[in-house]
Amino acid sequence: MPLNVLVVDDSSVMRKMIIRTLNMSGVSVGDVLEAENGQKGLEVLADNWIDILFIDVNMPVMDGMEMLNHVRSKPETKDLPILIISTESNPQRINEINANRAGFVHKPFTPETLREKIVELTGVQKA
């Protein structure tokens, strides 16, 4: 089953890198949508079926932690698999991510690391 993915990161270069790495990971990918901040990400999420959400932490307008909290607070998205992809290294912030039932991948990352986290969060195996 191909996964529909939303990648939320303020850097267009990083969004492209995440998508390229995702395509190299061996996971079956359907639609891939993008947003440059948490607010835009919520708008895309409201209008599209998304199977897994990738969020950066540090973004303008609405940061990744605000977006994560918002997604978890809504009944229709509270169980959506979410993977935080960030340079974040603050243990307290990583604990907060874990408490919100989101996975975490530190930038930079490999296709294998991304695949492992996606399988862990969704149960979907390789293509």
PDB file of N, CA and C in Angstrom:
ATOM      1  N   MET A   1       0.836  -1.176   0.000  1.00  0.00           N
ATOM      2  CA  MET A   1       0.000   0.000   0.000  1.00  0.00           C
ATOM      3  C   MET A   1       0.887   1.247   0.000  1.00  0.00           C
ATOM      4  N   PRO A   2       0.816   2.064  -1.044  1.00  0.00           N
ATOM      5  CA  PRO A   2       1.617   3.291  -1.071  1.00  0.00           C
ATOM      6  C   PRO A   2       1.176   4.267   0.011  1.00  0.00           C
ATOM      7  N   LEU A   3       2.138   4.934   0.614  1.00  0.00           N
ATOM      8  CA  LEU A   3       1.859   5.912   1.660  1.00  0.00           C
ATOM      9  C   LEU A   3       1.778   7.319   1.070  1.00  0.00           C
ATOM     10  N   ASN A   4       0.726   8.050   1.421  1.00  0.00           N
ATOM     11  CA  ASN A   4       0.645   9.470   1.085  1.00  0.00           C
ATOM     12  C   ASN A   4       1.358  10.231   2.185  1.00  0.00           C
ATOM     13  N   VAL A   5       2.281  11.093   1.787  1.00  0.00           N
ATOM     14  CA  VAL A   5       3.207  11.743   2.711  1.00  0.00           C
ATOM     15  C   VAL A   5       3.059  13.261   2.623  1.00  0.00           C
ATOM     16  N   LEU A   6       3.137  13.913   3.780  1.00  0.00           N
ATOM     17  CA  LEU A   6       3.232  15.369   3.840  1.00  0.00           C
ATOM     18  C   LEU A   6       4.555  15.719   4.509  1.00  0.00           C
ATOM     19  N   VAL A   7       5.385  16.498   3.805  1.00  0.00           N
ATOM     20  CA  VAL A   7       6.681  16.931   4.317  1.00  0.00           C
ATOM     21  C   VAL A   7       6.592  18.424   4.649  1.00  0.00           C
ATOM     22  N   VAL A   8       6.786  18.751   5.937  1.00  0.00           N
ATOM     23  CA  VAL A   8       6.681  20.140   6.397  1.00  0.00           C
ATOM     24  C   VAL A   8       8.050  20.590   6.893  1.00  0.00           C
ATOM     25  N   ASP A   9       8.668  21.502   6.142  1.00  0.00           N
ATOM     26  CA  ASP A   9       9.987  22.030   6.483  1.00  0.00           C
ATOM     27  C   ASP A   9      10.109  23.388   5.800  1.00  0.00           C
ATOM     28  N   ASP A  10      10.686  24.366   6.484  1.00  0.00           N
ATOM     29  CA  ASP A  10      10.806  25.696   5.901  1.00  0.00           C
ATOM     30  C   ASP A  10      11.859  25.779   4.800  1.00  0.00           C
ATOM     31  N   SER A  11      12.716  24.796   4.691  1.00  0.00           N
ATOM     32  CA  SER A  11      13.746  24.774   3.658  1.00  0.00           C
ATOM     33  C   SER A  11      13.284  23.915   2.476  1.00  0.00           C
ATOM     34  N   SER A  12      13.139  24.546   1.307  1.00  0.00           N
ATOM     35  CA  SER A  12      12.726  23.778   0.123  1.00  0.00           C
ATOM     36  C   SER A  12      13.791  22.744  -0.245  1.00  0.00           C
ATOM     37  N   VAL A  13      15.053  23.066  -0.013  1.00  0.00           N
ATOM     38  CA  VAL A  13      16.136  22.117  -0.283  1.00  0.00           C
ATOM     39  C   VAL A  13      15.998  20.894   0.626  1.00  0.00           C
ATOM     40  N   MET A  14      15.713  21.113   1.904  1.00  0.00           N
ATOM     41  CA  MET A  14      15.553  19.991   2.828  1.00  0.00           C
ATOM     42  C   MET A  14      14.317  19.166   2.477  1.00  0.00           C
ATOM     43  N   ARG A  15      13.227  19.806   2.069  1.00  0.00           N
ATOM     44  CA  ARG A  15      12.041  19.043   1.654  1.00  0.00           C
ATOM     45  C   ARG A  15      12.389  18.131   0.492  1.00  0.00           C
ATOM     46  N   LYS A  16      13.116  18.655  -0.481  1.00  0.00           N
ATOM     47  CA  LYS A  16      13.520  17.843  -1.643  1.00  0.00           C
ATOM     48  C   LYS A  16      14.437  16.691  -1.208  1.00  0.00           C
ATOM     49  N   MET A  17      15.342  16.965  -0.269  1.00  0.00           N
ATOM     50  CA  MET A  17      16.254  15.931   0.213  1.00  0.00           C
ATOM     51  C   MET A  17      15.471  14.827   0.945  1.00  0.00           C
ATOM     52  N   ILE A  18      14.515  15.207   1.764  1.00  0.00           N
ATOM     53  CA  ILE A  18      13.696  14.225   2.474  1.00  0.00           C
ATOM     54  C   ILE A  18      12.932  13.371   1.469  1.00  0.00           C
ATOM     55  N   ILE A  19      12.344  14.005   0.465  1.00  0.00           N
ATOM     56  CA  ILE A  19      11.572  13.268  -0.543  1.00  0.00           C
ATOM     57  C   ILE A  19      12.477  12.335  -1.332  1.00  0.00           C
ATOM     58  N   ARG A  20      13.655  12.805  -1.724  1.00  0.00           N
ATOM     59  CA  ARG A  20      14.590  11.954  -2.463  1.00  0.00           C
ATOM     60  C   ARG A  20      15.022  10.757  -1.607  1.00  0.00           C
ATOM     61  N   THR A  21      15.320  11.016  -0.336  1.00  0.00           N
ATOM     62  CA  THR A  21      15.726   9.935   0.566  1.00  0.00           C
ATOM     63  C   THR A  21      14.574   8.963   0.783  1.00  0.00           C
ATOM     64  N   LEU A  22      13.368   9.482   0.910  1.00  0.00           N
ATOM     65  CA  LEU A  22      12.177   8.642   1.048  1.00  0.00           C
ATOM     66  C   LEU A  22      12.028   7.729  -0.165  1.00  0.00           C
ATOM     67  N   ASN A  23      12.221   8.265  -1.357  1.00  0.00           N
ATOM     68  CA  ASN A  23      12.117   7.460  -2.579  1.00  0.00           C
ATOM     69  C   ASN A  23      13.206   6.397  -2.665  1.00  0.00           C
ATOM     70  N   MET A  24      14.351   6.638  -2.022  1.00  0.00           N
ATOM     71  CA  MET A  24      15.451   5.662  -2.014  1.00  0.00           C
ATOM     72  C   MET A  24      15.295   4.625  -0.899  1.00  0.00           C
ATOM     73  N   SER A  25      14.337   4.834  -0.004  1.00  0.00           N
ATOM     74  CA  SER A  25      14.220   3.998   1.192  1.00  0.00           C
ATOM     75  C   SER A  25      13.602   2.632   0.947  1.00  0.00           C
ATOM     76  N   GLY A  26      12.958   2.450  -0.199  1.00  0.00           N
ATOM     77  CA  GLY A  26      12.306   1.179  -0.466  1.00  0.00           C
ATOM     78  C   GLY A  26      10.871   1.115   0.020  1.00  0.00           C
ATOM     79  N   VAL A  27      10.386   2.173   0.640  1.00  0.00           N
ATOM     80  CA  VAL A  27       8.996   2.244   1.076  1.00  0.00           C
ATOM     81  C   VAL A  27       8.146   2.675  -0.118  1.00  0.00           C
ATOM     82  N   SER A  28       6.976   2.055  -0.269  1.00  0.00           N
ATOM     83  CA  SER A  28       6.065   2.405  -1.356  1.00  0.00           C
ATOM     84  C   SER A  28       5.418   3.756  -1.064  1.00  0.00           C
ATOM     85  N   VAL A  29       5.635   4.716  -1.967  1.00  0.00           N
ATOM     86  CA  VAL A  29       5.179   6.081  -1.757  1.00  0.00           C
ATOM     87  C   VAL A  29       4.110   6.426  -2.783  1.00  0.00           C
ATOM     88  N   GLY A  30       3.023   7.032  -2.296  1.00  0.00           N
ATOM     89  CA  GLY A  30       1.958   7.525  -3.170  1.00  0.00           C
ATOM     90  C   GLY A  30       2.164   9.001  -3.416  1.00  0.00           C
ATOM     91  N   ASP A  31       1.171   9.807  -3.034  1.00  0.00           N
ATOM     92  CA  ASP A  31       1.276  11.251  -3.198  1.00  0.00           C
ATOM     93  C   ASP A  31       2.228  11.825  -2.150  1.00  0.00           C
ATOM     94  N   VAL A  32       3.056  12.779  -2.572  1.00  0.00           N
ATOM     95  CA  VAL A  32       3.952  13.489  -1.664  1.00  0.00           C
ATOM     96  C   VAL A  32       3.620  14.970  -1.758  1.00  0.00           C
ATOM     97  N   LEU A  33       3.156  15.512  -0.641  1.00  0.00           N
ATOM     98  CA  LEU A  33       2.797  16.925  -0.578  1.00  0.00           C
ATOM     99  C   LEU A  33       3.794  17.659   0.310  1.00  0.00           C
ATOM    100  N   GLU A  34       3.890  18.973   0.113  1.00  0.00           N
ATOM    101  CA  GLU A  34       4.864  19.769   0.850  1.00  0.00           C
ATOM    102  C   GLU A  34       4.223  21.016   1.444  1.00  0.00           C
ATOM    103  N   ALA A  35       4.803  21.483   2.552  1.00  0.00           N
ATOM    104  CA  ALA A  35       4.413  22.756   3.155  1.00  0.00           C
ATOM    105  C   ALA A  35       5.641  23.377   3.795  1.00  0.00           C
ATOM    106  N   GLU A  36       5.674  24.734   3.822  1.00  0.00           N
ATOM    107  CA  GLU A  36       6.870  25.431   4.315  1.00  0.00           C
ATOM    108  C   GLU A  36       6.795  25.831   5.779  1.00  0.00           C
ATOM    109  N   ASN A  37       5.669  25.573   6.438  1.00  0.00           N
ATOM    110  CA  ASN A  37       5.571  25.830   7.880  1.00  0.00           C
ATOM    111  C   ASN A  37       4.374  25.065   8.437  1.00  0.00           C
ATOM    112  N   GLY A  38       4.259  25.056   9.757  1.00  0.00           N
ATOM    113  CA  GLY A  38       3.200  24.284  10.392  1.00  0.00           C
ATOM    114  C   GLY A  38       1.801  24.727  10.011  1.00  0.00           C
ATOM    115  N   GLN A  39       1.588  26.036   9.875  1.00  0.00           N
ATOM    116  CA  GLN A  39       0.261  26.543   9.507  1.00  0.00           C
ATOM    117  C   GLN A  39      -0.141  26.045   8.124  1.00  0.00           C
ATOM    118  N   LYS A  40       0.770  26.160   7.151  1.00  0.00           N
ATOM    119  CA  LYS A  40       0.488  25.660   5.798  1.00  0.00           C
ATOM    120  C   LYS A  40       0.306  24.144   5.828  1.00  0.00           C
ATOM    121  N   GLY A  41       1.101  23.477   6.666  1.00  0.00           N
ATOM    122  CA  GLY A  41       0.978  22.033   6.793  1.00  0.00           C
ATOM    123  C   GLY A  41      -0.398  21.615   7.281  1.00  0.00           C
ATOM    124  N   LEU A  42      -0.939  22.340   8.248  1.00  0.00           N
ATOM    125  CA  LEU A  42      -2.288  22.031   8.745  1.00  0.00           C
ATOM    126  C   LEU A  42      -3.327  22.234   7.654  1.00  0.00           C
ATOM    127  N   GLU A  43      -3.139  23.251   6.812  1.00  0.00           N
ATOM    128  CA  GLU A  43      -4.066  23.486   5.700  1.00  0.00           C
ATOM    129  C   GLU A  43      -4.016  22.329   4.703  1.00  0.00           C
ATOM    130  N   VAL A  44      -2.824  21.876   4.361  1.00  0.00           N
ATOM    131  CA  VAL A  44      -2.678  20.738   3.443  1.00  0.00           C
ATOM    132  C   VAL A  44      -3.285  19.484   4.070  1.00  0.00           C
ATOM    133  N   LEU A  45      -3.018  19.278   5.342  1.00  0.00           N
ATOM    134  CA  LEU A  45      -3.539  18.110   6.060  1.00  0.00           C
ATOM    135  C   LEU A  45      -5.069  18.105   6.075  1.00  0.00           C
ATOM    136  N   ALA A  46      -5.688  19.269   6.216  1.00  0.00           N
ATOM    137  CA  ALA A  46      -7.150  19.365   6.261  1.00  0.00           C
ATOM    138  C   ALA A  46      -7.793  18.988   4.928  1.00  0.00           C
ATOM    139  N   ASP A  47      -7.065  19.169   3.828  1.00  0.00           N
ATOM    140  CA  ASP A  47      -7.628  18.955   2.492  1.00  0.00           C
ATOM    141  C   ASP A  47      -7.185  17.672   1.806  1.00  0.00           C
ATOM    142  N   ASN A  48      -6.352  16.852   2.459  1.00  0.00           N
ATOM    143  CA  ASN A  48      -5.779  15.679   1.794  1.00  0.00           C
ATOM    144  C   ASN A  48      -5.704  14.502   2.744  1.00  0.00           C
ATOM    145  N   TRP A  49      -5.762  13.288   2.160  1.00  0.00           N
ATOM    146  CA  TRP A  49      -5.547  12.069   2.939  1.00  0.00           C
ATOM    147  C   TRP A  49      -4.043  11.874   3.077  1.00  0.00           C
ATOM    148  N   ILE A  50      -3.559  11.892   4.309  1.00  0.00           N
ATOM    149  CA  ILE A  50      -2.137  11.731   4.581  1.00  0.00           C
ATOM    150  C   ILE A  50      -1.954  10.498   5.469  1.00  0.00           C
ATOM    151  N   ASP A  51      -1.003   9.636   5.097  1.00  0.00           N
ATOM    152  CA  ASP A  51      -0.715   8.425   5.877  1.00  0.00           C
ATOM    153  C   ASP A  51       0.401   8.625   6.885  1.00  0.00           C
ATOM    154  N   ILE A  52       1.328   9.518   6.582  1.00  0.00           N
ATOM    155  CA  ILE A  52       2.427   9.835   7.511  1.00  0.00           C
ATOM    156  C   ILE A  52       2.867  11.273   7.275  1.00  0.00           C
ATOM    157  N   LEU A  53       3.183  11.923   8.369  1.00  0.00           N
ATOM    158  CA  LEU A  53       3.536  13.333   8.365  1.00  0.00           C
ATOM    159  C   LEU A  53       4.978  13.476   8.828  1.00  0.00           C
ATOM    160  N   PHE A  54       5.801  14.181   8.042  1.00  0.00           N
ATOM    161  CA  PHE A  54       7.175  14.490   8.410  1.00  0.00           C
ATOM    162  C   PHE A  54       7.222  15.973   8.762  1.00  0.00           C
ATOM    163  N   ILE A  55       7.722  16.301   9.957  1.00  0.00           N
ATOM    164  CA  ILE A  55       7.744  17.693  10.409  1.00  0.00           C
ATOM    165  C   ILE A  55       9.139  18.069  10.912  1.00  0.00           C
ATOM    166  N   ASP A  56       9.591  19.254  10.492  1.00  0.00           N
ATOM    167  CA  ASP A  56      10.787  19.865  11.072  1.00  0.00           C
ATOM    168  C   ASP A  56      10.362  20.586  12.350  1.00  0.00           C
ATOM    169  N   VAL A  57      11.282  20.807  13.275  1.00  0.00           N
ATOM    170  CA  VAL A  57      10.946  21.501  14.517  1.00  0.00           C
ATOM    171  C   VAL A  57      11.015  23.016  14.346  1.00  0.00           C
ATOM    172  N   ASN A  58      12.124  23.511  13.853  1.00  0.00           N
ATOM    173  CA  ASN A  58      12.366  24.956  13.807  1.00  0.00           C
ATOM    174  C   ASN A  58      11.906  25.543  12.478  1.00  0.00           C
ATOM    175  N   MET A  59      10.723  26.207  12.519  1.00  0.00           N
ATOM    176  CA  MET A  59      10.152  26.844  11.333  1.00  0.00           C
ATOM    177  C   MET A  59       9.480  28.149  11.749  1.00  0.00           C
ATOM    178  N   PRO A  60       9.360  29.088  10.810  1.00  0.00           N
ATOM    179  CA  PRO A  60       8.627  30.325  11.110  1.00  0.00           C
ATOM    180  C   PRO A  60       7.112  30.084  11.078  1.00  0.00           C
ATOM    181  N   VAL A  61       6.344  31.073  11.460  1.00  0.00           N
ATOM    182  CA  VAL A  61       4.880  31.108  11.467  1.00  0.00           C
ATOM    183  C   VAL A  61       4.322  30.152  12.512  1.00  0.00           C
ATOM    184  N   MET A  62       4.475  28.846  12.305  1.00  0.00           N
ATOM    185  CA  MET A  62       4.111  27.839  13.300  1.00  0.00           C
ATOM    186  C   MET A  62       5.191  26.776  13.281  1.00  0.00           C
ATOM    187  N   ASP A  63       5.865  26.577  14.415  1.00  0.00           N
ATOM    188  CA  ASP A  63       6.958  25.603  14.447  1.00  0.00           C
ATOM    189  C   ASP A  63       6.416  24.174  14.525  1.00  0.00           C
ATOM    190  N   GLY A  64       7.315  23.233  14.424  1.00  0.00           N
ATOM    191  CA  GLY A  64       6.935  21.828  14.390  1.00  0.00           C
ATOM    192  C   GLY A  64       6.286  21.323  15.663  1.00  0.00           C
ATOM    193  N   MET A  65       6.710  21.823  16.813  1.00  0.00           N
ATOM    194  CA  MET A  65       6.108  21.374  18.071  1.00  0.00           C
ATOM    195  C   MET A  65       4.665  21.868  18.189  1.00  0.00           C
ATOM    196  N   GLU A  66       4.416  23.113  17.748  1.00  0.00           N
ATOM    197  CA  GLU A  66       3.046  23.622  17.737  1.00  0.00           C
ATOM    198  C   GLU A  66       2.178  22.787  16.800  1.00  0.00           C
ATOM    199  N   MET A  67       2.710  22.469  15.632  1.00  0.00           N
ATOM    200  CA  MET A  67       1.956  21.665  14.675  1.00  0.00           C
ATOM    201  C   MET A  67       1.677  20.282  15.249  1.00  0.00           C
ATOM    202  N   LEU A  68       2.692  19.656  15.846  1.00  0.00           N
ATOM    203  CA  LEU A  68       2.529  18.339  16.462  1.00  0.00           C
ATOM    204  C   LEU A  68       1.420  18.373  17.513  1.00  0.00           C
ATOM    205  N   ASN A  69       1.446  19.364  18.393  1.00  0.00           N
ATOM    206  CA  ASN A  69       0.425  19.479  19.433  1.00  0.00           C
ATOM    207  C   ASN A  69      -0.964  19.684  18.837  1.00  0.00           C
ATOM    208  N   HIS A  70      -1.056  20.486  17.782  1.00  0.00           N
ATOM    209  CA  HIS A  70      -2.337  20.727  17.128  1.00  0.00           C
ATOM    210  C   HIS A  70      -2.883  19.445  16.493  1.00  0.00           C
ATOM    211  N   VAL A  71      -2.022  18.728  15.779  1.00  0.00           N
ATOM    212  CA  VAL A  71      -2.441  17.472  15.135  1.00  0.00           C
ATOM    213  C   VAL A  71      -2.905  16.466  16.184  1.00  0.00           C
ATOM    214  N   ARG A  72      -2.184  16.344  17.277  1.00  0.00           N
ATOM    215  CA  ARG A  72      -2.543  15.393  18.332  1.00  0.00           C
ATOM    216  C   ARG A  72      -3.833  15.793  19.066  1.00  0.00           C
ATOM    217  N   SER A  73      -4.201  17.080  19.027  1.00  0.00           N
ATOM    218  CA  SER A  73      -5.388  17.543  19.752  1.00  0.00           C
ATOM    219  C   SER A  73      -6.689  17.313  18.984  1.00  0.00           C
ATOM    220  N   LYS A  74      -6.606  16.977  17.706  1.00  0.00           N
ATOM    221  CA  LYS A  74      -7.794  16.785  16.874  1.00  0.00           C
ATOM    222  C   LYS A  74      -8.149  15.297  16.798  1.00  0.00           C
ATOM    223  N   PRO A  75      -9.401  14.937  17.061  1.00  0.00           N
ATOM    224  CA  PRO A  75      -9.801  13.524  17.022  1.00  0.00           C
ATOM    225  C   PRO A  75      -9.480  12.837  15.688  1.00  0.00           C
ATOM    226  N   GLU A  76      -9.639  13.559  14.578  1.00  0.00           N
ATOM    227  CA  GLU A  76      -9.428  12.944  13.266  1.00  0.00           C
ATOM    228  C   GLU A  76      -7.953  12.729  12.922  1.00  0.00           C
ATOM    229  N   THR A  77      -7.031  13.380  13.634  1.00  0.00           N
ATOM    230  CA  THR A  77      -5.607  13.210  13.335  1.00  0.00           C
ATOM    231  C   THR A  77      -4.786  12.780  14.545  1.00  0.00           C
ATOM    232  N   LYS A  78      -5.434  12.524  15.671  1.00  0.00           N
ATOM    233  CA  LYS A  78      -4.693  12.242  16.911  1.00  0.00           C
ATOM    234  C   LYS A  78      -3.810  11.005  16.808  1.00  0.00           C
ATOM    235  N   ASP A  79      -4.147  10.057  15.924  1.00  0.00           N
ATOM    236  CA  ASP A  79      -3.359   8.833  15.781  1.00  0.00           C
ATOM    237  C   ASP A  79      -2.521   8.797  14.503  1.00  0.00           C
ATOM    238  N   LEU A  80      -2.454   9.899  13.789  1.00  0.00           N
ATOM    239  CA  LEU A  80      -1.678   9.960  12.549  1.00  0.00           C
ATOM    240  C   LEU A  80      -0.200   9.713  12.844  1.00  0.00           C
ATOM    241  N   PRO A  81       0.436   8.796  12.105  1.00  0.00           N
ATOM    242  CA  PRO A  81       1.882   8.603  12.294  1.00  0.00           C
ATOM    243  C   PRO A  81       2.647   9.884  11.937  1.00  0.00           C
ATOM    244  N   ILE A  82       3.509  10.313  12.852  1.00  0.00           N
ATOM    245  CA  ILE A  82       4.283  11.536  12.663  1.00  0.00           C
ATOM    246  C   ILE A  82       5.754  11.242  12.936  1.00  0.00           C
ATOM    247  N   LEU A  83       6.594  11.722  12.035  1.00  0.00           N
ATOM    248  CA  LEU A  83       8.037  11.592  12.193  1.00  0.00           C
ATOM    249  C   LEU A  83       8.637  12.989  12.196  1.00  0.00           C
ATOM    250  N   ILE A  84       9.273  13.352  13.305  1.00  0.00           N
ATOM    251  CA  ILE A  84       9.976  14.623  13.405  1.00  0.00           C
ATOM    252  C   ILE A  84      11.378  14.414  12.829  1.00  0.00           C
ATOM    253  N   ILE A  85      11.715  15.221  11.826  1.00  0.00           N
ATOM    254  CA  ILE A  85      13.037  15.158  11.199  1.00  0.00           C
ATOM    255  C   ILE A  85      13.689  16.511  11.455  1.00  0.00           C
ATOM    256  N   SER A  86      14.725  16.509  12.309  1.00  0.00           N
ATOM    257  CA  SER A  86      15.262  17.792  12.765  1.00  0.00           C
ATOM    258  C   SER A  86      16.726  17.684  13.172  1.00  0.00           C
ATOM    259  N   THR A  87      17.352  18.837  13.289  1.00  0.00           N
ATOM    260  CA  THR A  87      18.700  18.914  13.857  1.00  0.00           C
ATOM    261  C   THR A  87      18.621  19.038  15.371  1.00  0.00           C
ATOM    262  N   GLU A  88      17.419  19.051  15.914  1.00  0.00           N
ATOM    263  CA  GLU A  88      17.190  19.201  17.356  1.00  0.00           C
ATOM    264  C   GLU A  88      18.003  18.175  18.142  1.00  0.00           C
ATOM    265  N   SER A  89      18.647  18.625  19.209  1.00  0.00           N
ATOM    266  CA  SER A  89      19.412  17.696  20.045  1.00  0.00           C
ATOM    267  C   SER A  89      19.138  17.901  21.528  1.00  0.00           C
ATOM    268  N   ASN A  90      18.211  18.795  21.854  1.00  0.00           N
ATOM    269  CA  ASN A  90      17.839  19.061  23.237  1.00  0.00           C
ATOM    270  C   ASN A  90      17.070  17.846  23.790  1.00  0.00           C
ATOM    271  N   PRO A  91      17.626  17.163  24.810  1.00  0.00           N
ATOM    272  CA  PRO A  91      16.961  15.966  25.352  1.00  0.00           C
ATOM    273  C   PRO A  91      15.540  16.230  25.840  1.00  0.00           C
ATOM    274  N   GLN A  92      15.306  17.409  26.401  1.00  0.00           N
ATOM    275  CA  GLN A  92      13.959  17.746  26.869  1.00  0.00           C
ATOM    276  C   GLN A  92      12.982  17.822  25.691  1.00  0.00           C
ATOM    277  N   ARG A  93      13.404  18.409  24.586  1.00  0.00           N
ATOM    278  CA  ARG A  93      12.563  18.508  23.392  1.00  0.00           C
ATOM    279  C   ARG A  93      12.305  17.115  22.813  1.00  0.00           C
ATOM    280  N   ILE A  94      13.327  16.262  22.785  1.00  0.00           N
ATOM    281  CA  ILE A  94      13.154  14.901  22.267  1.00  0.00           C
ATOM    282  C   ILE A  94      12.203  14.112  23.163  1.00  0.00           C
ATOM    283  N   ASN A  95      12.272  14.304  24.467  1.00  0.00           N
ATOM    284  CA  ASN A  95      11.316  13.667  25.386  1.00  0.00           C
ATOM    285  C   ASN A  95       9.890  14.138  25.101  1.00  0.00           C
ATOM    286  N   GLU A  96       9.735  15.426  24.793  1.00  0.00           N
ATOM    287  CA  GLU A  96       8.416  15.970  24.455  1.00  0.00           C
ATOM    288  C   GLU A  96       7.889  15.347  23.162  1.00  0.00           C
ATOM    289  N   ILE A  97       8.763  15.157  22.191  1.00  0.00           N
ATOM    290  CA  ILE A  97       8.388  14.504  20.937  1.00  0.00           C
ATOM    291  C   ILE A  97       7.908  13.082  21.227  1.00  0.00           C
ATOM    292  N   ASN A  98       8.668  12.341  22.019  1.00  0.00           N
ATOM    293  CA  ASN A  98       8.285  10.967  22.369  1.00  0.00           C
ATOM    294  C   ASN A  98       6.968  10.936  23.139  1.00  0.00           C
ATOM    295  N   ALA A  99       6.765  11.888  24.040  1.00  0.00           N
ATOM    296  CA  ALA A  99       5.529  11.941  24.823  1.00  0.00           C
ATOM    297  C   ALA A  99       4.312  12.190  23.928  1.00  0.00           C
ATOM    298  N   ASN A 100       4.535  12.823  22.790  1.00  0.00           N
ATOM    299  CA  ASN A 100       3.458  13.082  21.837  1.00  0.00           C
ATOM    300  C   ASN A 100       3.334  11.966  20.791  1.00  0.00           C
ATOM    301  N   ARG A 101       3.950  10.824  21.085  1.00  0.00           N
ATOM    302  CA  ARG A 101       3.840   9.633  20.230  1.00  0.00           C
ATOM    303  C   ARG A 101       4.303   9.890  18.798  1.00  0.00           C
ATOM    304  N   ALA A 102       5.379  10.638  18.664  1.00  0.00           N
ATOM    305  CA  ALA A 102       5.969  10.873  17.352  1.00  0.00           C
ATOM    306  C   ALA A 102       7.353  10.242  17.323  1.00  0.00           C
ATOM    307  N   GLY A 103       7.755   9.787  16.155  1.00  0.00           N
ATOM    308  CA  GLY A 103       9.108   9.292  15.986  1.00  0.00           C
ATOM    309  C   GLY A 103      10.055  10.461  15.780  1.00  0.00           C
ATOM    310  N   PHE A 104      11.348  10.192  15.889  1.00  0.00           N
ATOM    311  CA  PHE A 104      12.348  11.241  15.727  1.00  0.00           C
ATOM    312  C   PHE A 104      13.522  10.715  14.916  1.00  0.00           C
ATOM    313  N   VAL A 105      13.929  11.478  13.917  1.00  0.00           N
ATOM    314  CA  VAL A 105      15.129  11.195  13.133  1.00  0.00           C
ATOM    315  C   VAL A 105      15.967  12.462  13.114  1.00  0.00           C
ATOM    316  N   HIS A 106      17.230  12.306  13.450  1.00  0.00           N
ATOM    317  CA  HIS A 106      18.156  13.440  13.472  1.00  0.00           C
ATOM    318  C   HIS A 106      18.729  13.654  12.072  1.00  0.00           C
ATOM    319  N   LYS A 107      18.748  14.921  11.618  1.00  0.00           N
ATOM    320  CA  LYS A 107      19.404  15.269  10.353  1.00  0.00           C
ATOM    321  C   LYS A 107      20.898  15.265  10.588  1.00  0.00           C
ATOM    322  N   PRO A 108      21.710  14.782   9.688  1.00  0.00           N
ATOM    323  CA  PRO A 108      21.358  14.073   8.459  1.00  0.00           C
ATOM    324  C   PRO A 108      20.981  12.620   8.756  1.00  0.00           C
ATOM    325  N   PHE A 109      20.372  11.975   7.781  1.00  0.00           N
ATOM    326  CA  PHE A 109      19.866  10.612   7.977  1.00  0.00           C
ATOM    327  C   PHE A 109      20.037   9.832   6.681  1.00  0.00           C
ATOM    328  N   THR A 110      19.916   8.517   6.785  1.00  0.00           N
ATOM    329  CA  THR A 110      20.066   7.638   5.625  1.00  0.00           C
ATOM    330  C   THR A 110      18.700   7.089   5.210  1.00  0.00           C
ATOM    331  N   PRO A 111      18.599   6.571   3.981  1.00  0.00           N
ATOM    332  CA  PRO A 111      17.349   5.921   3.568  1.00  0.00           C
ATOM    333  C   PRO A 111      16.974   4.764   4.502  1.00  0.00           C
ATOM    334  N   GLU A 112      17.979   4.045   4.994  1.00  0.00           N
ATOM    335  CA  GLU A 112      17.716   2.913   5.893  1.00  0.00           C
ATOM    336  C   GLU A 112      17.106   3.380   7.214  1.00  0.00           C
ATOM    337  N   THR A 113      17.640   4.463   7.768  1.00  0.00           N
ATOM    338  CA  THR A 113      17.097   5.019   9.008  1.00  0.00           C
ATOM    339  C   THR A 113      15.660   5.481   8.797  1.00  0.00           C
ATOM    340  N   LEU A 114      15.416   6.152   7.692  1.00  0.00           N
ATOM    341  CA  LEU A 114      14.072   6.629   7.390  1.00  0.00           C
ATOM    342  C   LEU A 114      13.110   5.448   7.249  1.00  0.00           C
ATOM    343  N   ARG A 115      13.523   4.414   6.515  1.00  0.00           N
ATOM    344  CA  ARG A 115      12.681   3.221   6.337  1.00  0.00           C
ATOM    345  C   ARG A 115      12.358   2.573   7.677  1.00  0.00           C
ATOM    346  N   GLU A 116      13.355   2.400   8.541  1.00  0.00           N
ATOM    347  CA  GLU A 116      13.131   1.778   9.851  1.00  0.00           C
ATOM    348  C   GLU A 116      12.086   2.540  10.646  1.00  0.00           C
ATOM    349  N   LYS A 117      12.178   3.868  10.663  1.00  0.00           N
ATOM    350  CA  LYS A 117      11.226   4.686  11.426  1.00  0.00           C
ATOM    351  C   LYS A 117       9.827   4.616  10.820  1.00  0.00           C
ATOM    352  N   ILE A 118       9.746   4.634   9.483  1.00  0.00           N
ATOM    353  CA  ILE A 118       8.437   4.547   8.824  1.00  0.00           C
ATOM    354  C   ILE A 118       7.772   3.215   9.132  1.00  0.00           C
ATOM    355  N   VAL A 119       8.527   2.128   9.052  1.00  0.00           N
ATOM    356  CA  VAL A 119       7.982   0.804   9.376  1.00  0.00           C
ATOM    357  C   VAL A 119       7.538   0.762  10.834  1.00  0.00           C
ATOM    358  N   GLU A 120       8.351   1.331  11.725  1.00  0.00           N
ATOM    359  CA  GLU A 120       8.025   1.361  13.147  1.00  0.00           C
ATOM    360  C   GLU A 120       6.721   2.111  13.398  1.00  0.00           C
ATOM    361  N   LEU A 121       6.529   3.237  12.705  1.00  0.00           N
ATOM    362  CA  LEU A 121       5.358   4.081  12.929  1.00  0.00           C
ATOM    363  C   LEU A 121       4.100   3.608  12.207  1.00  0.00           C
ATOM    364  N   THR A 122       4.253   2.990  11.038  1.00  0.00           N
ATOM    365  CA  THR A 122       3.085   2.643  10.226  1.00  0.00           C
ATOM    366  C   THR A 122       2.837   1.145  10.107  1.00  0.00           C
ATOM    367  N   GLY A 123       3.885   0.349  10.299  1.00  0.00           N
ATOM    368  CA  GLY A 123       3.762  -1.090  10.099  1.00  0.00           C
ATOM    369  C   GLY A 123       3.882  -1.489   8.631  1.00  0.00           C
ATOM    370  N   VAL A 124       3.983  -0.507   7.729  1.00  0.00           N
ATOM    371  CA  VAL A 124       4.107  -0.775   6.302  1.00  0.00           C
ATOM    372  C   VAL A 124       5.539  -1.205   5.995  1.00  0.00           C
ATOM    373  N   GLN A 125       5.680  -2.286   5.264  1.00  0.00           N
ATOM    374  CA  GLN A 125       7.000  -2.787   4.912  1.00  0.00           C
ATOM    375  C   GLN A 125       7.478  -2.169   3.591  1.00  0.00           C
ATOM    376  N   LYS A 126       8.551  -2.705   3.075  1.00  0.00           N
ATOM    377  CA  LYS A 126       9.115  -2.231   1.823  1.00  0.00           C
ATOM    378  C   LYS A 126       8.134  -2.418   0.685  1.00  0.00           C
ATOM    379  N   ALA A 127       8.365  -1.676  -0.409  1.00  0.00           N
ATOM    380  CA  ALA A 127       7.527  -1.761  -1.601  1.00  0.00           C
ATOM    381  C   ALA A 127       7.566  -3.141  -2.205  1.00  0.00           C
TER     382      ALA A 127
END
